[in-house]
Amino acid sequence: MSAIQLIIIYLIAINVATFCTYGIDKWKAKKSLWRIRETALLGLAVLGGSVGAWLGMKVWHHKTQHKKFKYGIPVILAAQMALALYLVTV
């Protein structure tokens, strides 16, 4: 398996996991249960799950009013896209 294939598999897995984590945290919020730390949610985005985080915010309507998510997730996503574009062109 090539490095590119491994990267693609990793990105799919981290984004699915991040999307699901946002959904679980939203469910826990509705049930007044123990919550997932915001640093964990943001950390998943930084580790490559920014698309999953952004989709989780949109689909689950979760963390949409928190400034660090409302602005932070798009910034992380843009930075990761810029990095990917740079790496592809080098």
C-alpha atoms as a PDB file:
ATOM      1  CA  MET A   1       0.000   0.000   0.000  1.00  0.00           C
ATOM      2  CA  SER A   2       1.400   3.407  -0.938  1.00  0.00           C
ATOM      3  CA  ALA A   3       1.883   6.350   1.406  1.00  0.00           C
ATOM      4  CA  ILE A   4      -0.863   8.280  -0.395  1.00  0.00           C
ATOM      5  CA  GLN A   5      -3.321   5.431   0.130  1.00  0.00           C
ATOM      6  CA  LEU A   6      -2.458   5.270   3.828  1.00  0.00           C
ATOM      7  CA  ILE A   7      -2.960   9.028   4.179  1.00  0.00           C
ATOM      8  CA  ILE A   8      -6.346   8.828   2.449  1.00  0.00           C
ATOM      9  CA  ILE A   9      -7.437   5.949   4.715  1.00  0.00           C
ATOM     10  CA  TYR A  10      -6.259   7.889   7.781  1.00  0.00           C
ATOM     11  CA  LEU A  11      -8.138  11.050   6.721  1.00  0.00           C
ATOM     12  CA  ILE A  12     -11.336   9.113   6.074  1.00  0.00           C
ATOM     13  CA  ALA A  13     -11.076   7.348   9.442  1.00  0.00           C
ATOM     14  CA  ILE A  14     -10.282  10.496  11.475  1.00  0.00           C
ATOM     15  CA  ASN A  15     -13.096  12.444   9.813  1.00  0.00           C
ATOM     16  CA  VAL A  16     -15.670   9.691  10.384  1.00  0.00           C
ATOM     17  CA  ALA A  17     -14.525   9.398  14.006  1.00  0.00           C
ATOM     18  CA  THR A  18     -14.667  13.174  14.488  1.00  0.00           C
ATOM     19  CA  PHE A  19     -18.139  13.434  12.954  1.00  0.00           C
ATOM     20  CA  CYS A  20     -19.393  10.636  15.212  1.00  0.00           C
ATOM     21  CA  THR A  21     -17.740  12.203  18.268  1.00  0.00           C
ATOM     22  CA  TYR A  22     -19.557  15.485  17.666  1.00  0.00           C
ATOM     23  CA  GLY A  23     -22.824  13.547  17.376  1.00  0.00           C
ATOM     24  CA  ILE A  24     -22.151  11.652  20.597  1.00  0.00           C
ATOM     25  CA  ASP A  25     -21.338  14.879  22.439  1.00  0.00           C
ATOM     26  CA  LYS A  26     -24.550  16.477  21.184  1.00  0.00           C
ATOM     27  CA  TRP A  27     -26.525  13.440  22.363  1.00  0.00           C
ATOM     28  CA  LYS A  28     -24.816  13.631  25.766  1.00  0.00           C
ATOM     29  CA  ALA A  29     -25.637  17.350  25.991  1.00  0.00           C
ATOM     30  CA  LYS A  30     -29.323  16.619  25.414  1.00  0.00           C
ATOM     31  CA  LYS A  31     -29.294  13.879  28.076  1.00  0.00           C
ATOM     32  CA  SER A  32     -27.313  16.000  30.591  1.00  0.00           C
ATOM     33  CA  LEU A  33     -24.581  13.368  30.689  1.00  0.00           C
ATOM     34  CA  TRP A  34     -20.798  13.691  31.045  1.00  0.00           C
ATOM     35  CA  ARG A  35     -19.487  15.623  28.034  1.00  0.00           C
ATOM     36  CA  ILE A  36     -16.510  15.310  25.742  1.00  0.00           C
ATOM     37  CA  ARG A  37     -13.941  18.049  26.415  1.00  0.00           C
ATOM     38  CA  GLU A  38     -13.833  20.923  23.946  1.00  0.00           C
ATOM     39  CA  THR A  39     -10.074  20.437  23.674  1.00  0.00           C
ATOM     40  CA  ALA A  40     -10.689  16.856  22.514  1.00  0.00           C
ATOM     41  CA  LEU A  41     -13.204  18.019  19.912  1.00  0.00           C
ATOM     42  CA  LEU A  42     -10.831  20.682  18.615  1.00  0.00           C
ATOM     43  CA  GLY A  43      -7.891  18.290  18.830  1.00  0.00           C
ATOM     44  CA  LEU A  44      -9.613  15.830  16.522  1.00  0.00           C
ATOM     45  CA  ALA A  45     -10.016  18.628  13.982  1.00  0.00           C
ATOM     46  CA  VAL A  46      -6.341  19.561  14.265  1.00  0.00           C
ATOM     47  CA  LEU A  47      -5.321  15.912  13.780  1.00  0.00           C
ATOM     48  CA  GLY A  48      -6.995  15.921  10.362  1.00  0.00           C
ATOM     49  CA  GLY A  49     -10.677  15.657  11.226  1.00  0.00           C
ATOM     50  CA  SER A  50     -11.618  19.229  10.325  1.00  0.00           C
ATOM     51  CA  VAL A  51     -14.075  18.155   7.619  1.00  0.00           C
ATOM     52  CA  GLY A  52     -15.766  15.778  10.053  1.00  0.00           C
ATOM     53  CA  ALA A  53     -15.863  18.514  12.698  1.00  0.00           C
ATOM     54  CA  TRP A  54     -17.392  21.023  10.294  1.00  0.00           C
ATOM     55  CA  LEU A  55     -19.971  18.480   9.098  1.00  0.00           C
ATOM     56  CA  GLY A  56     -20.699  17.472  12.696  1.00  0.00           C
ATOM     57  CA  MET A  57     -21.363  21.084  13.587  1.00  0.00           C
ATOM     58  CA  LYS A  58     -23.734  21.453  10.627  1.00  0.00           C
ATOM     59  CA  VAL A  59     -25.555  18.113  10.850  1.00  0.00           C
ATOM     60  CA  TRP A  60     -25.847  17.900  14.638  1.00  0.00           C
ATOM     61  CA  HIS A  61     -26.198  21.692  15.142  1.00  0.00           C
ATOM     62  CA  HIS A  62     -23.499  21.351  17.750  1.00  0.00           C
ATOM     63  CA  LYS A  63     -21.111  24.038  19.035  1.00  0.00           C
ATOM     64  CA  THR A  64     -22.297  26.438  16.343  1.00  0.00           C
ATOM     65  CA  GLN A  65     -22.488  29.421  18.710  1.00  0.00           C
ATOM     66  CA  HIS A  66     -19.128  28.878  20.430  1.00  0.00           C
ATOM     67  CA  LYS A  67     -16.648  31.298  18.855  1.00  0.00           C
ATOM     68  CA  LYS A  68     -13.694  28.921  19.104  1.00  0.00           C
ATOM     69  CA  PHE A  69     -15.669  26.410  17.031  1.00  0.00           C
ATOM     70  CA  LYS A  70     -17.580  28.827  14.807  1.00  0.00           C
ATOM     71  CA  TYR A  71     -14.336  30.463  13.665  1.00  0.00           C
ATOM     72  CA  GLY A  72     -11.712  27.930  14.718  1.00  0.00           C
ATOM     73  CA  ILE A  73     -12.922  24.948  12.710  1.00  0.00           C
ATOM     74  CA  PRO A  74     -13.037  26.876   9.394  1.00  0.00           C
ATOM     75  CA  VAL A  75      -9.542  28.274  10.107  1.00  0.00           C
ATOM     76  CA  ILE A  76      -8.196  24.778  10.831  1.00  0.00           C
ATOM     77  CA  LEU A  77      -9.882  23.450   7.690  1.00  0.00           C
ATOM     78  CA  ALA A  78      -8.458  26.254   5.538  1.00  0.00           C
ATOM     79  CA  ALA A  79      -4.968  25.739   6.966  1.00  0.00           C
ATOM     80  CA  GLN A  80      -5.137  22.009   6.291  1.00  0.00           C
ATOM     81  CA  MET A  81      -6.362  22.589   2.748  1.00  0.00           C
ATOM     82  CA  ALA A  82      -3.560  25.087   2.148  1.00  0.00           C
ATOM     83  CA  LEU A  83      -1.014  22.597   3.509  1.00  0.00           C
ATOM     84  CA  ALA A  84      -2.407  19.813   1.309  1.00  0.00           C
ATOM     85  CA  LEU A  85      -2.282  22.077  -1.745  1.00  0.00           C
ATOM     86  CA  TYR A  86       1.285  23.040  -0.935  1.00  0.00           C
ATOM     87  CA  LEU A  87       2.347  19.417  -0.481  1.00  0.00           C
ATOM     88  CA  VAL A  88       0.711  18.378  -3.748  1.00  0.00           C
ATOM     89  CA  THR A  89       2.493  21.109  -5.703  1.00  0.00           C
ATOM     90  CA  VAL A  90       5.951  20.530  -4.199  1.00  0.00           C
END
